PDB file of N, CA and C in Angstrom:
ATOM      1  N   MET A   1       0.799 -33.920 -27.890  1.00  0.00           N
ATOM      2  CA  MET A   1      -0.633 -34.048 -27.912  1.00  0.00           C
ATOM      3  C   MET A   1      -1.237 -32.791 -27.270  1.00  0.00           C
ATOM      4  N   SER A   2      -2.260 -32.248 -27.875  1.00  0.00           N
ATOM      5  CA  SER A   2      -2.885 -31.045 -27.350  1.00  0.00           C
ATOM      6  C   SER A   2      -3.749 -31.371 -26.137  1.00  0.00           C
ATOM      7  N   LYS A   3      -3.997 -30.352 -25.339  1.00  0.00           N
ATOM      8  CA  LYS A   3      -4.808 -30.519 -24.136  1.00  0.00           C
ATOM      9  C   LYS A   3      -6.118 -29.773 -24.339  1.00  0.00           C
ATOM     10  N   LYS A   4      -7.213 -30.498 -24.437  1.00  0.00           N
ATOM     11  CA  LYS A   4      -8.496 -29.890 -24.773  1.00  0.00           C
ATOM     12  C   LYS A   4      -9.122 -29.143 -23.606  1.00  0.00           C
ATOM     13  N   TYR A   5      -8.623 -29.312 -22.389  1.00  0.00           N
ATOM     14  CA  TYR A   5      -9.205 -28.654 -21.225  1.00  0.00           C
ATOM     15  C   TYR A   5      -8.515 -27.331 -20.900  1.00  0.00           C
ATOM     16  N   ARG A   6      -7.496 -26.945 -21.643  1.00  0.00           N
ATOM     17  CA  ARG A   6      -6.742 -25.731 -21.358  1.00  0.00           C
ATOM     18  C   ARG A   6      -7.614 -24.499 -21.616  1.00  0.00           C
ATOM     19  N   GLY A   7      -7.753 -23.631 -20.624  1.00  0.00           N
ATOM     20  CA  GLY A   7      -8.547 -22.423 -20.740  1.00  0.00           C
ATOM     21  C   GLY A   7     -10.032 -22.641 -20.549  1.00  0.00           C
ATOM     22  N   LYS A   8     -10.435 -23.807 -20.085  1.00  0.00           N
ATOM     23  CA  LYS A   8     -11.852 -24.126 -19.946  1.00  0.00           C
ATOM     24  C   LYS A   8     -12.544 -23.255 -18.901  1.00  0.00           C
ATOM     25  N   GLY A   9     -11.835 -22.849 -17.845  1.00  0.00           N
ATOM     26  CA  GLY A   9     -12.428 -22.020 -16.818  1.00  0.00           C
ATOM     27  C   GLY A   9     -12.730 -20.603 -17.275  1.00  0.00           C
ATOM     28  N   LEU A  10     -12.044 -20.144 -18.308  1.00  0.00           N
ATOM     29  CA  LEU A  10     -12.273 -18.792 -18.813  1.00  0.00           C
ATOM     30  C   LEU A  10     -13.554 -18.686 -19.628  1.00  0.00           C
ATOM     31  N   ILE A  11     -14.017 -19.766 -20.171  1.00  0.00           N
ATOM     32  CA  ILE A  11     -15.199 -19.737 -21.029  1.00  0.00           C
ATOM     33  C   ILE A  11     -16.434 -19.310 -20.246  1.00  0.00           C
ATOM     34  N   HIS A  12     -16.500 -19.648 -18.977  1.00  0.00           N
ATOM     35  CA  HIS A  12     -17.678 -19.367 -18.170  1.00  0.00           C
ATOM     36  C   HIS A  12     -17.680 -17.957 -17.577  1.00  0.00           C
ATOM     37  N   LEU A  13     -16.567 -17.226 -17.673  1.00  0.00           N
ATOM     38  CA  LEU A  13     -16.510 -15.863 -17.164  1.00  0.00           C
ATOM     39  C   LEU A  13     -17.127 -14.891 -18.168  1.00  0.00           C
ATOM     40  N   PRO A  14     -17.677 -13.776 -17.703  1.00  0.00           N
ATOM     41  CA  PRO A  14     -18.210 -12.791 -18.647  1.00  0.00           C
ATOM     42  C   PRO A  14     -17.094 -12.220 -19.521  1.00  0.00           C
ATOM     43  N   SER A  15     -17.337 -12.126 -20.806  1.00  0.00           N
ATOM     44  CA  SER A  15     -16.370 -11.645 -21.806  1.00  0.00           C
ATOM     45  C   SER A  15     -15.088 -12.463 -21.799  1.00  0.00           C
ATOM     46  N   ARG A  16     -15.210 -13.732 -21.447  1.00  0.00           N
ATOM     47  CA  ARG A  16     -14.063 -14.653 -21.389  1.00  0.00           C
ATOM     48  C   ARG A  16     -12.956 -14.171 -20.450  1.00  0.00           C
ATOM     49  N   GLY A  17     -13.331 -13.406 -19.410  1.00  0.00           N
ATOM     50  CA  GLY A  17     -12.370 -12.932 -18.426  1.00  0.00           C
ATOM     51  C   GLY A  17     -11.612 -11.699 -18.858  1.00  0.00           C
ATOM     52  N   ARG A  18     -12.014 -11.072 -19.946  1.00  0.00           N
ATOM     53  CA  ARG A  18     -11.300  -9.904 -20.450  1.00  0.00           C
ATOM     54  C   ARG A  18     -12.065  -8.622 -20.151  1.00  0.00           C
ATOM     55  N   GLY A  19     -11.312  -7.547 -20.031  1.00  0.00           N
ATOM     56  CA  GLY A  19     -11.915  -6.252 -19.775  1.00  0.00           C
ATOM     57  C   GLY A  19     -10.842  -5.188 -19.653  1.00  0.00           C
ATOM     58  N   THR A  20     -11.171  -4.078 -19.014  1.00  0.00           N
ATOM     59  CA  THR A  20     -10.225  -2.990 -18.785  1.00  0.00           C
ATOM     60  C   THR A  20      -9.764  -3.039 -17.334  1.00  0.00           C
ATOM     61  N   CYS A  21      -8.459  -3.066 -17.142  1.00  0.00           N
ATOM     62  CA  CYS A  21      -7.896  -3.119 -15.792  1.00  0.00           C
ATOM     63  C   CYS A  21      -8.150  -1.786 -15.098  1.00  0.00           C
ATOM     64  N   PRO A  22      -8.710  -1.813 -13.879  1.00  0.00           N
ATOM     65  CA  PRO A  22      -8.995  -0.559 -13.187  1.00  0.00           C
ATOM     66  C   PRO A  22      -7.753   0.168 -12.681  1.00  0.00           C
ATOM     67  N   MET A  23      -6.612  -0.508 -12.602  1.00  0.00           N
ATOM     68  CA  MET A  23      -5.407   0.135 -12.080  1.00  0.00           C
ATOM     69  C   MET A  23      -4.554   0.748 -13.187  1.00  0.00           C
ATOM     70  N   CYS A  24      -4.262   0.002 -14.240  1.00  0.00           N
ATOM     71  CA  CYS A  24      -3.373   0.507 -15.293  1.00  0.00           C
ATOM     72  C   CYS A  24      -4.122   0.959 -16.538  1.00  0.00           C
ATOM     73  N   LYS A  25      -5.436   0.761 -16.561  1.00  0.00           N
ATOM     74  CA  LYS A  25      -6.315   1.197 -17.666  1.00  0.00           C
ATOM     75  C   LYS A  25      -5.996   0.520 -19.002  1.00  0.00           C
ATOM     76  N   THR A  26      -5.358  -0.643 -18.974  1.00  0.00           N
ATOM     77  CA  THR A  26      -5.118  -1.410 -20.189  1.00  0.00           C
ATOM     78  C   THR A  26      -6.416  -2.075 -20.611  1.00  0.00           C
ATOM     79  N   ARG A  27      -6.748  -1.951 -21.895  1.00  0.00           N
ATOM     80  CA  ARG A  27      -8.014  -2.483 -22.386  1.00  0.00           C
ATOM     81  C   ARG A  27      -7.810  -3.869 -22.998  1.00  0.00           C
ATOM     82  N   ARG A  28      -8.903  -4.665 -23.001  1.00  0.00           N
ATOM     83  CA  ARG A  28      -8.943  -6.001 -23.597  1.00  0.00           C
ATOM     84  C   ARG A  28      -7.850  -6.920 -23.045  1.00  0.00           C
ATOM     85  N   ILE A  29      -7.683  -6.925 -21.716  1.00  0.00           N
ATOM     86  CA  ILE A  29      -6.676  -7.749 -21.058  1.00  0.00           C
ATOM     87  C   ILE A  29      -7.397  -8.679 -20.085  1.00  0.00           C
ATOM     88  N   LYS A  30      -6.817  -9.830 -19.804  1.00  0.00           N
ATOM     89  CA  LYS A  30      -7.441 -10.779 -18.888  1.00  0.00           C
ATOM     90  C   LYS A  30      -7.389 -10.253 -17.460  1.00  0.00           C
ATOM     91  N   LEU A  31      -8.535 -10.241 -16.806  1.00  0.00           N
ATOM     92  CA  LEU A  31      -8.654  -9.801 -15.412  1.00  0.00           C
ATOM     93  C   LEU A  31      -8.961 -11.024 -14.561  1.00  0.00           C
ATOM     94  N   LEU A  32      -7.932 -11.621 -14.020  1.00  0.00           N
ATOM     95  CA  LEU A  32      -8.091 -12.901 -13.334  1.00  0.00           C
ATOM     96  C   LEU A  32      -7.693 -12.866 -11.867  1.00  0.00           C
ATOM     97  N   TYR A  33      -7.136 -11.764 -11.382  1.00  0.00           N
ATOM     98  CA  TYR A  33      -6.563 -11.737 -10.048  1.00  0.00           C
ATOM     99  C   TYR A  33      -7.345 -10.789  -9.152  1.00  0.00           C
ATOM    100  N   ASP A  34      -7.753 -11.267  -7.989  1.00  0.00           N
ATOM    101  CA  ASP A  34      -8.467 -10.450  -7.018  1.00  0.00           C
ATOM    102  C   ASP A  34      -7.460  -9.788  -6.089  1.00  0.00           C
ATOM    103  N   VAL A  35      -7.615  -8.474  -5.894  1.00  0.00           N
ATOM    104  CA  VAL A  35      -6.728  -7.687  -5.038  1.00  0.00           C
ATOM    105  C   VAL A  35      -7.594  -6.925  -4.049  1.00  0.00           C
ATOM    106  N   ILE A  36      -7.213  -6.951  -2.776  1.00  0.00           N
ATOM    107  CA  ILE A  36      -7.896  -6.172  -1.761  1.00  0.00           C
ATOM    108  C   ILE A  36      -7.019  -4.961  -1.450  1.00  0.00           C
ATOM    109  N   LEU A  37      -7.551  -3.771  -1.665  1.00  0.00           N
ATOM    110  CA  LEU A  37      -6.813  -2.539  -1.424  1.00  0.00           C
ATOM    111  C   LEU A  37      -6.795  -2.202   0.062  1.00  0.00           C
ATOM    112  N   ASN A  38      -6.017  -1.188   0.415  1.00  0.00           N
ATOM    113  CA  ASN A  38      -5.865  -0.808   1.826  1.00  0.00           C
ATOM    114  C   ASN A  38      -7.178  -0.355   2.456  1.00  0.00           C
ATOM    115  N   ASP A  39      -8.073   0.226   1.660  1.00  0.00           N
ATOM    116  CA  ASP A  39      -9.341   0.686   2.214  1.00  0.00           C
ATOM    117  C   ASP A  39     -10.402  -0.414   2.255  1.00  0.00           C
ATOM    118  N   GLY A  40     -10.059  -1.625   1.846  1.00  0.00           N
ATOM    119  CA  GLY A  40     -10.964  -2.758   1.956  1.00  0.00           C
ATOM    120  C   GLY A  40     -11.738  -3.086   0.690  1.00  0.00           C
ATOM    121  N   THR A  41     -11.573  -2.312  -0.365  1.00  0.00           N
ATOM    122  CA  THR A  41     -12.287  -2.592  -1.607  1.00  0.00           C
ATOM    123  C   THR A  41     -11.594  -3.718  -2.363  1.00  0.00           C
ATOM    124  N   LYS A  42     -12.383  -4.512  -3.059  1.00  0.00           N
ATOM    125  CA  LYS A  42     -11.875  -5.664  -3.795  1.00  0.00           C
ATOM    126  C   LYS A  42     -11.952  -5.374  -5.289  1.00  0.00           C
ATOM    127  N   LEU A  43     -10.837  -5.533  -5.991  1.00  0.00           N
ATOM    128  CA  LEU A  43     -10.766  -5.304  -7.428  1.00  0.00           C
ATOM    129  C   LEU A  43     -10.282  -6.567  -8.120  1.00  0.00           C
ATOM    130  N   THR A  44     -10.684  -6.729  -9.357  1.00  0.00           N
ATOM    131  CA  THR A  44     -10.148  -7.794 -10.205  1.00  0.00           C
ATOM    132  C   THR A  44      -9.223  -7.129 -11.208  1.00  0.00           C
ATOM    133  N   VAL A  45      -7.935  -7.486 -11.176  1.00  0.00           N
ATOM    134  CA  VAL A  45      -6.929  -6.785 -11.959  1.00  0.00           C
ATOM    135  C   VAL A  45      -6.167  -7.748 -12.863  1.00  0.00           C
ATOM    136  N   CYS A  46      -5.312  -7.188 -13.715  1.00  0.00           N
ATOM    137  CA  CYS A  46      -4.505  -7.978 -14.648  1.00  0.00           C
ATOM    138  C   CYS A  46      -3.278  -8.558 -13.949  1.00  0.00           C
ATOM    139  N   LYS A  47      -2.515  -9.322 -14.680  1.00  0.00           N
ATOM    140  CA  LYS A  47      -1.352 -10.003 -14.145  1.00  0.00           C
ATOM    141  C   LYS A  47      -0.264  -9.019 -13.712  1.00  0.00           C
ATOM    142  N   ARG A  48      -0.092  -7.932 -14.469  1.00  0.00           N
ATOM    143  CA  ARG A  48       0.939  -6.949 -14.146  1.00  0.00           C
ATOM    144  C   ARG A  48       0.611  -6.164 -12.888  1.00  0.00           C
ATOM    145  N   CYS A  49      -0.659  -5.942 -12.611  1.00  0.00           N
ATOM    146  CA  CYS A  49      -1.065  -5.112 -11.469  1.00  0.00           C
ATOM    147  C   CYS A  49      -1.365  -5.917 -10.220  1.00  0.00           C
ATOM    148  N   ARG A  50      -1.208  -7.212 -10.231  1.00  0.00           N
ATOM    149  CA  ARG A  50      -1.617  -8.013  -9.057  1.00  0.00           C
ATOM    150  C   ARG A  50      -0.737  -7.764  -7.844  1.00  0.00           C
ATOM    151  N   HIS A  51       0.504  -7.274  -8.043  1.00  0.00           N
ATOM    152  CA  HIS A  51       1.383  -7.010  -6.906  1.00  0.00           C
ATOM    153  C   HIS A  51       1.411  -5.543  -6.531  1.00  0.00           C
ATOM    154  N   LYS A  52       0.861  -4.663  -7.351  1.00  0.00           N
ATOM    155  CA  LYS A  52       0.803  -3.234  -7.033  1.00  0.00           C
ATOM    156  C   LYS A  52      -0.400  -2.975  -6.136  1.00  0.00           C
ATOM    157  N   LYS A  53      -0.271  -2.019  -5.251  1.00  0.00           N
ATOM    158  CA  LYS A  53      -1.404  -1.624  -4.398  1.00  0.00           C
ATOM    159  C   LYS A  53      -1.422  -0.139  -4.219  1.00  0.00           C
TER     160      LYS A  53
END
């Protein structure tokens, strides 16, 4: 049976949570993870870049 609530939180984000990752410059990728850099700036990055700093 399918789940109709899957991905419901992404609908309310701008561009459905997609954009260009500021770290790896990949375009049209989901940006769902908040990362705080060493200098204190906060970025929203993709899944691959969430552990890189």
